[in-house]
């Protein structure tokens, strides 16, 4: 409503413009995240990884993003995170050892375990024989 007051336009128009802009940004940036081939990952390994973890393809973690309280009880159960004590959305993110974001899963409710998300999101199908993945103890 602040933007509609500043520009003297209807709040519905602001909402429409926002969603159109968000959609356009998503379309233009969706190719920024891709799964690099094994040779590229190996050629860009930091020295510490080359000597200690030469087969490390990526490092994964599930990230939780705080959300508003969902409107239905079913959604509240699905999205409540006991770890964060609030409603969250979770995504699995993978980065290469050099720091390039190489995978982002779809969104899951905060109740979903890291293991469930990892098995469900299609990440495992990206891996090739002898690939190693670093993760914290939650996996």
N, C-alpha and C. Protein backbone atom coordinates (compact mmCIF):
# COMPACT_ATOMS: atom_id res chain seq x y z
N UNK A 1 0.82 -1.20 0.00
CA UNK A 1 0.00 0.00 0.00
C UNK A 1 0.86 1.26 0.00
N UNK A 2 2.07 1.19 0.53
CA UNK A 2 2.95 2.36 0.53
C UNK A 2 3.32 2.75 -0.89
N UNK A 3 3.61 1.76 -1.72
CA UNK A 3 3.99 2.06 -3.11
C UNK A 3 2.81 2.68 -3.86
N UNK A 4 1.60 2.15 -3.60
CA UNK A 4 0.44 2.72 -4.29
C UNK A 4 0.21 4.17 -3.88
N UNK A 5 0.48 4.51 -2.63
CA UNK A 5 0.33 5.89 -2.16
C UNK A 5 1.41 6.80 -2.76
N UNK A 6 2.63 6.30 -2.80
CA UNK A 6 3.75 7.10 -3.34
C UNK A 6 3.50 7.45 -4.80
N UNK A 7 3.05 6.45 -5.58
CA UNK A 7 2.87 6.67 -7.02
C UNK A 7 1.42 7.00 -7.39
N UNK A 8 0.56 7.07 -6.37
CA UNK A 8 -0.85 7.41 -6.57
C UNK A 8 -1.52 6.47 -7.58
N UNK A 9 -1.33 5.14 -7.35
CA UNK A 9 -1.99 4.14 -8.20
C UNK A 9 -2.70 3.13 -7.31
N UNK A 10 -3.61 2.41 -7.89
CA UNK A 10 -4.42 1.44 -7.18
C UNK A 10 -3.54 0.30 -6.65
N UNK A 11 -3.79 -0.16 -5.39
CA UNK A 11 -3.01 -1.29 -4.84
C UNK A 11 -3.07 -2.55 -5.71
N UNK A 12 -4.20 -2.77 -6.36
CA UNK A 12 -4.32 -3.93 -7.25
C UNK A 12 -3.35 -3.81 -8.42
N UNK A 13 -3.16 -2.61 -8.92
CA UNK A 13 -2.21 -2.37 -10.02
C UNK A 13 -0.78 -2.63 -9.53
N UNK A 14 -0.47 -2.20 -8.32
CA UNK A 14 0.87 -2.45 -7.75
C UNK A 14 1.11 -3.96 -7.65
N UNK A 15 0.11 -4.69 -7.16
CA UNK A 15 0.24 -6.14 -7.04
C UNK A 15 0.48 -6.79 -8.39
N UNK A 16 -0.30 -6.38 -9.40
CA UNK A 16 -0.14 -6.94 -10.75
C UNK A 16 1.25 -6.65 -11.31
N UNK A 17 1.71 -5.43 -11.14
CA UNK A 17 3.06 -5.05 -11.63
C UNK A 17 4.13 -5.88 -10.92
N UNK A 18 3.97 -6.03 -9.59
CA UNK A 18 4.95 -6.80 -8.82
C UNK A 18 5.02 -8.24 -9.33
N UNK A 19 3.87 -8.89 -9.49
CA UNK A 19 3.87 -10.28 -9.94
C UNK A 19 4.41 -10.41 -11.37
N UNK A 20 4.09 -9.46 -12.23
CA UNK A 20 4.64 -9.49 -13.59
C UNK A 20 6.16 -9.34 -13.59
N UNK A 21 6.66 -8.46 -12.75
CA UNK A 21 8.10 -8.26 -12.64
C UNK A 21 8.78 -9.50 -12.07
N UNK A 22 8.18 -10.09 -11.04
CA UNK A 22 8.72 -11.31 -10.45
C UNK A 22 8.77 -12.44 -11.46
N UNK A 23 7.71 -12.59 -12.24
CA UNK A 23 7.66 -13.61 -13.28
C UNK A 23 8.74 -13.38 -14.34
N UNK A 24 8.90 -12.13 -14.76
CA UNK A 24 9.93 -11.80 -15.75
C UNK A 24 11.33 -12.08 -15.22
N UNK A 25 11.59 -11.71 -13.97
CA UNK A 25 12.90 -11.99 -13.37
C UNK A 25 13.16 -13.49 -13.29
N UNK A 26 12.16 -14.25 -12.89
CA UNK A 26 12.31 -15.71 -12.81
C UNK A 26 12.64 -16.30 -14.17
N UNK A 27 11.95 -15.84 -15.20
CA UNK A 27 12.22 -16.34 -16.56
C UNK A 27 13.61 -15.98 -17.05
N UNK A 28 14.07 -14.80 -16.75
CA UNK A 28 15.37 -14.35 -17.23
C UNK A 28 16.53 -14.96 -16.46
N UNK A 29 16.31 -15.37 -15.22
CA UNK A 29 17.41 -15.86 -14.39
C UNK A 29 17.40 -17.37 -14.19
N UNK A 30 16.40 -18.08 -14.70
CA UNK A 30 16.30 -19.53 -14.44
C UNK A 30 17.49 -20.31 -14.99
N UNK A 31 18.18 -19.77 -15.98
CA UNK A 31 19.32 -20.48 -16.57
C UNK A 31 20.63 -20.17 -15.83
N UNK A 32 20.57 -19.33 -14.81
CA UNK A 32 21.77 -18.99 -14.04
C UNK A 32 22.24 -20.17 -13.18
N UNK A 33 21.32 -21.04 -12.81
CA UNK A 33 21.65 -22.19 -11.97
C UNK A 33 21.57 -23.44 -12.83
N UNK A 34 22.71 -24.10 -12.99
CA UNK A 34 22.76 -25.33 -13.79
C UNK A 34 23.80 -26.27 -13.19
N UNK A 35 23.69 -27.54 -13.54
CA UNK A 35 24.57 -28.58 -13.04
C UNK A 35 25.80 -28.66 -13.96
N UNK A 36 26.97 -28.20 -13.49
CA UNK A 36 28.16 -28.24 -14.35
C UNK A 36 28.68 -29.67 -14.51
N UNK A 37 29.35 -29.91 -15.62
CA UNK A 37 29.90 -31.25 -15.85
C UNK A 37 31.06 -31.51 -14.89
N UNK A 38 31.38 -32.78 -14.74
CA UNK A 38 32.39 -33.22 -13.78
C UNK A 38 33.76 -32.60 -14.05
N UNK A 39 34.12 -32.48 -15.33
CA UNK A 39 35.42 -31.90 -15.69
C UNK A 39 35.51 -30.44 -15.23
N UNK A 40 34.45 -29.68 -15.42
CA UNK A 40 34.43 -28.28 -15.00
C UNK A 40 34.60 -28.17 -13.49
N UNK A 41 33.89 -29.01 -12.75
CA UNK A 41 34.00 -28.98 -11.28
C UNK A 41 35.43 -29.31 -10.88
N UNK A 42 36.01 -30.35 -11.48
CA UNK A 42 37.38 -30.74 -11.13
C UNK A 42 38.38 -29.64 -11.48
N UNK A 43 38.22 -29.01 -12.62
CA UNK A 43 39.16 -27.96 -13.04
C UNK A 43 39.08 -26.70 -12.19
N UNK A 44 37.99 -26.53 -11.46
CA UNK A 44 37.84 -25.33 -10.62
C UNK A 44 37.92 -25.65 -9.13
N UNK A 45 38.36 -26.87 -8.79
CA UNK A 45 38.48 -27.23 -7.37
C UNK A 45 39.52 -26.37 -6.68
N UNK A 46 39.19 -25.85 -5.50
CA UNK A 46 40.22 -25.16 -4.71
C UNK A 46 41.31 -26.15 -4.29
N UNK A 47 42.51 -25.65 -4.00
CA UNK A 47 43.64 -26.51 -3.66
C UNK A 47 43.32 -27.47 -2.52
N UNK A 48 42.65 -26.99 -1.49
CA UNK A 48 42.33 -27.84 -0.34
C UNK A 48 41.46 -29.03 -0.74
N UNK A 49 40.59 -28.82 -1.70
CA UNK A 49 39.73 -29.91 -2.17
C UNK A 49 40.50 -30.85 -3.07
N UNK A 50 41.38 -30.31 -3.93
CA UNK A 50 42.15 -31.17 -4.84
C UNK A 50 42.98 -32.18 -4.08
N UNK A 51 43.54 -31.75 -2.95
CA UNK A 51 44.39 -32.67 -2.20
C UNK A 51 43.60 -33.56 -1.23
N UNK A 52 42.50 -33.07 -0.69
CA UNK A 52 41.77 -33.84 0.33
C UNK A 52 40.46 -34.47 -0.15
N UNK A 53 39.78 -33.82 -1.09
CA UNK A 53 38.48 -34.29 -1.57
C UNK A 53 38.38 -34.16 -3.08
N UNK A 54 39.23 -34.87 -3.81
CA UNK A 54 39.28 -34.67 -5.27
C UNK A 54 38.01 -35.10 -6.01
N UNK A 55 37.16 -35.93 -5.38
CA UNK A 55 35.93 -36.38 -6.03
C UNK A 55 34.69 -35.64 -5.55
N UNK A 56 34.90 -34.56 -4.78
CA UNK A 56 33.77 -33.80 -4.26
C UNK A 56 33.09 -33.04 -5.40
N UNK A 57 31.87 -33.41 -5.67
CA UNK A 57 31.11 -32.78 -6.75
C UNK A 57 30.36 -31.54 -6.24
N UNK A 58 29.90 -31.63 -4.98
CA UNK A 58 29.16 -30.49 -4.45
C UNK A 58 29.02 -30.59 -2.93
N UNK A 59 28.54 -29.51 -2.37
CA UNK A 59 28.26 -29.41 -0.94
C UNK A 59 26.78 -29.05 -0.84
N UNK A 60 26.03 -29.79 -0.03
CA UNK A 60 24.59 -29.55 0.05
C UNK A 60 24.17 -29.13 1.45
N UNK A 61 23.07 -28.40 1.48
CA UNK A 61 22.45 -28.03 2.75
C UNK A 61 21.00 -27.65 2.47
N UNK A 62 20.15 -27.92 3.44
CA UNK A 62 18.77 -27.45 3.35
C UNK A 62 18.66 -26.14 4.11
N UNK A 63 18.07 -25.18 3.47
CA UNK A 63 17.90 -23.85 4.04
C UNK A 63 16.42 -23.63 4.34
N UNK A 64 16.15 -23.04 5.50
CA UNK A 64 14.78 -22.73 5.89
C UNK A 64 14.55 -21.23 5.82
N UNK A 65 13.44 -20.85 5.22
CA UNK A 65 13.08 -19.45 5.06
C UNK A 65 11.76 -19.23 5.81
N UNK A 66 11.76 -18.26 6.71
CA UNK A 66 10.57 -17.99 7.51
C UNK A 66 9.41 -17.59 6.61
N UNK A 67 8.21 -18.06 6.99
CA UNK A 67 7.00 -17.78 6.23
C UNK A 67 5.91 -17.24 7.16
N UNK A 68 4.92 -16.62 6.59
CA UNK A 68 3.75 -16.23 7.37
C UNK A 68 2.98 -17.48 7.77
N UNK A 69 2.11 -17.36 8.75
CA UNK A 69 1.29 -18.48 9.17
C UNK A 69 0.30 -18.83 8.06
N UNK A 70 0.30 -20.09 7.62
CA UNK A 70 -0.64 -20.49 6.56
C UNK A 70 -2.10 -20.38 7.04
N UNK A 71 -3.01 -20.28 6.09
CA UNK A 71 -4.41 -20.05 6.43
C UNK A 71 -5.16 -21.31 6.87
N UNK A 72 -4.73 -22.50 6.43
CA UNK A 72 -5.43 -23.73 6.81
C UNK A 72 -4.62 -24.53 7.81
N UNK A 73 -5.31 -25.34 8.59
CA UNK A 73 -4.65 -26.19 9.59
C UNK A 73 -3.72 -27.19 8.91
N UNK A 74 -4.17 -27.75 7.79
CA UNK A 74 -3.35 -28.72 7.05
C UNK A 74 -2.02 -28.10 6.62
N UNK A 75 -2.09 -26.88 6.10
CA UNK A 75 -0.86 -26.19 5.67
C UNK A 75 0.02 -25.85 6.87
N UNK A 76 -0.59 -25.49 7.99
CA UNK A 76 0.19 -25.17 9.20
C UNK A 76 0.99 -26.38 9.66
N UNK A 77 0.35 -27.55 9.65
CA UNK A 77 1.04 -28.78 10.06
C UNK A 77 2.22 -29.06 9.13
N UNK A 78 2.01 -28.90 7.85
CA UNK A 78 3.03 -29.19 6.84
C UNK A 78 4.19 -28.20 6.90
N UNK A 79 3.90 -26.96 7.25
CA UNK A 79 4.93 -25.91 7.18
C UNK A 79 5.59 -25.57 8.51
N UNK A 80 5.10 -26.14 9.62
CA UNK A 80 5.69 -25.79 10.91
C UNK A 80 7.02 -26.50 11.11
N UNK A 81 8.04 -25.72 11.45
CA UNK A 81 9.38 -26.25 11.70
C UNK A 81 9.63 -26.26 13.20
N UNK A 82 9.79 -27.45 13.77
CA UNK A 82 10.11 -27.54 15.19
C UNK A 82 11.51 -27.00 15.47
N UNK A 83 12.39 -27.11 14.50
CA UNK A 83 13.76 -26.62 14.65
C UNK A 83 13.79 -25.10 14.78
N UNK A 84 12.97 -24.41 13.98
CA UNK A 84 12.92 -22.95 14.00
C UNK A 84 11.79 -22.39 14.87
N UNK A 85 10.89 -23.28 15.33
CA UNK A 85 9.72 -22.88 16.11
C UNK A 85 8.86 -21.84 15.41
N UNK A 86 8.71 -21.99 14.11
CA UNK A 86 7.87 -21.09 13.32
C UNK A 86 7.54 -21.78 12.00
N UNK A 87 6.79 -21.12 11.15
CA UNK A 87 6.43 -21.66 9.84
C UNK A 87 7.55 -21.33 8.85
N UNK A 88 7.98 -22.35 8.12
CA UNK A 88 9.09 -22.14 7.19
C UNK A 88 8.87 -22.88 5.88
N UNK A 89 9.64 -22.45 4.89
CA UNK A 89 9.75 -23.13 3.61
C UNK A 89 11.20 -23.62 3.53
N UNK A 90 11.38 -24.85 3.09
CA UNK A 90 12.73 -25.41 3.00
C UNK A 90 13.09 -25.70 1.55
N UNK A 91 14.36 -25.46 1.22
CA UNK A 91 14.89 -25.82 -0.09
C UNK A 91 16.27 -26.46 0.10
N UNK A 92 16.58 -27.40 -0.77
CA UNK A 92 17.91 -27.99 -0.81
C UNK A 92 18.74 -27.19 -1.79
N UNK A 93 19.91 -26.76 -1.35
CA UNK A 93 20.83 -26.00 -2.20
C UNK A 93 22.14 -26.76 -2.30
N UNK A 94 22.66 -26.87 -3.51
CA UNK A 94 23.97 -27.48 -3.73
C UNK A 94 24.88 -26.44 -4.35
N UNK A 95 26.12 -26.41 -3.87
CA UNK A 95 27.14 -25.55 -4.47
C UNK A 95 28.34 -26.41 -4.82
N UNK A 96 29.07 -26.00 -5.83
CA UNK A 96 30.32 -26.69 -6.16
C UNK A 96 31.36 -26.28 -5.13
N UNK A 97 32.46 -27.01 -5.01
CA UNK A 97 33.51 -26.62 -4.06
C UNK A 97 34.07 -25.21 -4.31
N UNK A 98 33.94 -24.71 -5.51
CA UNK A 98 34.42 -23.36 -5.81
C UNK A 98 33.37 -22.28 -5.50
N UNK A 99 32.17 -22.71 -5.06
CA UNK A 99 31.15 -21.76 -4.63
C UNK A 99 30.04 -21.45 -5.62
N UNK A 100 30.01 -22.10 -6.76
CA UNK A 100 28.97 -21.89 -7.77
C UNK A 100 27.69 -22.62 -7.35
N UNK A 101 26.56 -21.92 -7.32
CA UNK A 101 25.28 -22.57 -6.99
C UNK A 101 24.90 -23.45 -8.17
N UNK A 102 24.79 -24.75 -7.91
CA UNK A 102 24.57 -25.69 -9.00
C UNK A 102 23.21 -26.39 -8.95
N UNK A 103 22.48 -26.24 -7.85
CA UNK A 103 21.16 -26.89 -7.76
C UNK A 103 20.35 -26.21 -6.67
N UNK A 104 19.08 -25.95 -6.95
CA UNK A 104 18.13 -25.47 -5.96
C UNK A 104 16.85 -26.27 -6.17
N UNK A 105 16.38 -26.93 -5.12
CA UNK A 105 15.18 -27.75 -5.22
C UNK A 105 13.93 -26.89 -5.26
N UNK A 106 12.80 -27.53 -5.49
CA UNK A 106 11.52 -26.85 -5.30
C UNK A 106 11.34 -26.63 -3.80
N UNK A 107 10.34 -25.87 -3.43
CA UNK A 107 10.08 -25.56 -2.02
C UNK A 107 9.31 -26.68 -1.33
N UNK A 108 9.66 -26.93 -0.07
CA UNK A 108 8.98 -27.91 0.77
C UNK A 108 8.56 -27.23 2.07
N UNK A 109 7.59 -27.80 2.73
CA UNK A 109 7.18 -27.28 4.03
C UNK A 109 8.25 -27.53 5.07
N UNK A 110 8.28 -26.68 6.11
CA UNK A 110 9.29 -26.77 7.16
C UNK A 110 9.31 -28.08 7.91
N UNK A 111 8.24 -28.84 7.86
CA UNK A 111 8.17 -30.12 8.55
C UNK A 111 8.98 -31.21 7.84
N UNK A 112 9.25 -31.01 6.56
CA UNK A 112 9.97 -32.02 5.76
C UNK A 112 11.40 -32.16 6.26
N UNK A 113 11.86 -33.40 6.35
CA UNK A 113 13.24 -33.64 6.80
C UNK A 113 14.20 -33.41 5.64
N UNK A 114 15.44 -33.11 6.00
CA UNK A 114 16.49 -32.93 4.98
C UNK A 114 16.63 -34.18 4.12
N UNK A 115 16.54 -35.35 4.77
CA UNK A 115 16.68 -36.62 4.05
C UNK A 115 15.55 -36.79 3.05
N UNK A 116 14.31 -36.50 3.48
CA UNK A 116 13.17 -36.62 2.57
C UNK A 116 13.35 -35.71 1.36
N UNK A 117 13.69 -34.46 1.61
CA UNK A 117 13.86 -33.50 0.51
C UNK A 117 14.94 -33.97 -0.45
N UNK A 118 16.07 -34.43 0.09
CA UNK A 118 17.18 -34.90 -0.75
C UNK A 118 16.75 -36.06 -1.64
N UNK A 119 15.98 -36.99 -1.09
CA UNK A 119 15.52 -38.14 -1.86
C UNK A 119 14.41 -37.81 -2.84
N UNK A 120 13.64 -36.77 -2.56
CA UNK A 120 12.45 -36.47 -3.36
C UNK A 120 12.68 -35.45 -4.48
N UNK A 121 13.66 -34.57 -4.34
CA UNK A 121 13.75 -33.38 -5.21
C UNK A 121 14.46 -33.59 -6.55
N UNK A 122 15.02 -34.75 -6.80
CA UNK A 122 15.71 -34.98 -8.06
C UNK A 122 17.21 -34.73 -8.02
N UNK A 123 17.70 -34.29 -6.88
CA UNK A 123 19.14 -34.02 -6.75
C UNK A 123 19.98 -35.27 -6.99
N UNK A 124 19.57 -36.40 -6.41
CA UNK A 124 20.39 -37.62 -6.49
C UNK A 124 20.56 -38.10 -7.93
N UNK A 125 19.59 -37.80 -8.80
CA UNK A 125 19.70 -38.23 -10.20
C UNK A 125 20.77 -37.44 -10.96
N UNK A 126 21.23 -36.34 -10.40
CA UNK A 126 22.29 -35.54 -11.03
C UNK A 126 23.67 -36.16 -10.84
N UNK A 127 23.82 -36.96 -9.79
CA UNK A 127 25.13 -37.51 -9.44
C UNK A 127 25.57 -38.61 -10.39
N UNK A 128 26.88 -38.71 -10.58
CA UNK A 128 27.48 -39.73 -11.43
C UNK A 128 28.33 -40.66 -10.56
N UNK A 129 28.71 -41.83 -11.07
CA UNK A 129 29.54 -42.75 -10.28
C UNK A 129 30.80 -42.06 -9.75
N UNK A 130 31.16 -42.37 -8.53
CA UNK A 130 32.33 -41.85 -7.81
C UNK A 130 32.21 -40.39 -7.37
N UNK A 131 31.07 -39.75 -7.60
CA UNK A 131 30.87 -38.40 -7.08
C UNK A 131 30.76 -38.47 -5.56
N UNK A 132 31.37 -37.50 -4.90
CA UNK A 132 31.25 -37.37 -3.45
C UNK A 132 30.51 -36.08 -3.15
N UNK A 133 29.67 -36.14 -2.11
CA UNK A 133 28.87 -34.98 -1.72
C UNK A 133 29.15 -34.69 -0.26
N UNK A 134 29.45 -33.43 0.05
CA UNK A 134 29.64 -33.02 1.44
C UNK A 134 28.31 -32.50 1.97
N UNK A 135 28.02 -32.87 3.22
CA UNK A 135 26.79 -32.41 3.88
C UNK A 135 27.02 -32.41 5.38
N UNK A 136 26.16 -31.69 6.11
CA UNK A 136 26.30 -31.70 7.56
C UNK A 136 25.61 -32.95 8.13
N UNK A 137 25.62 -33.07 9.43
CA UNK A 137 25.12 -34.28 10.07
C UNK A 137 23.62 -34.50 9.89
N UNK A 138 22.87 -33.50 9.45
CA UNK A 138 21.44 -33.64 9.24
C UNK A 138 21.07 -34.61 8.12
N UNK A 139 22.03 -34.96 7.30
CA UNK A 139 21.77 -35.86 6.18
C UNK A 139 22.19 -37.27 6.52
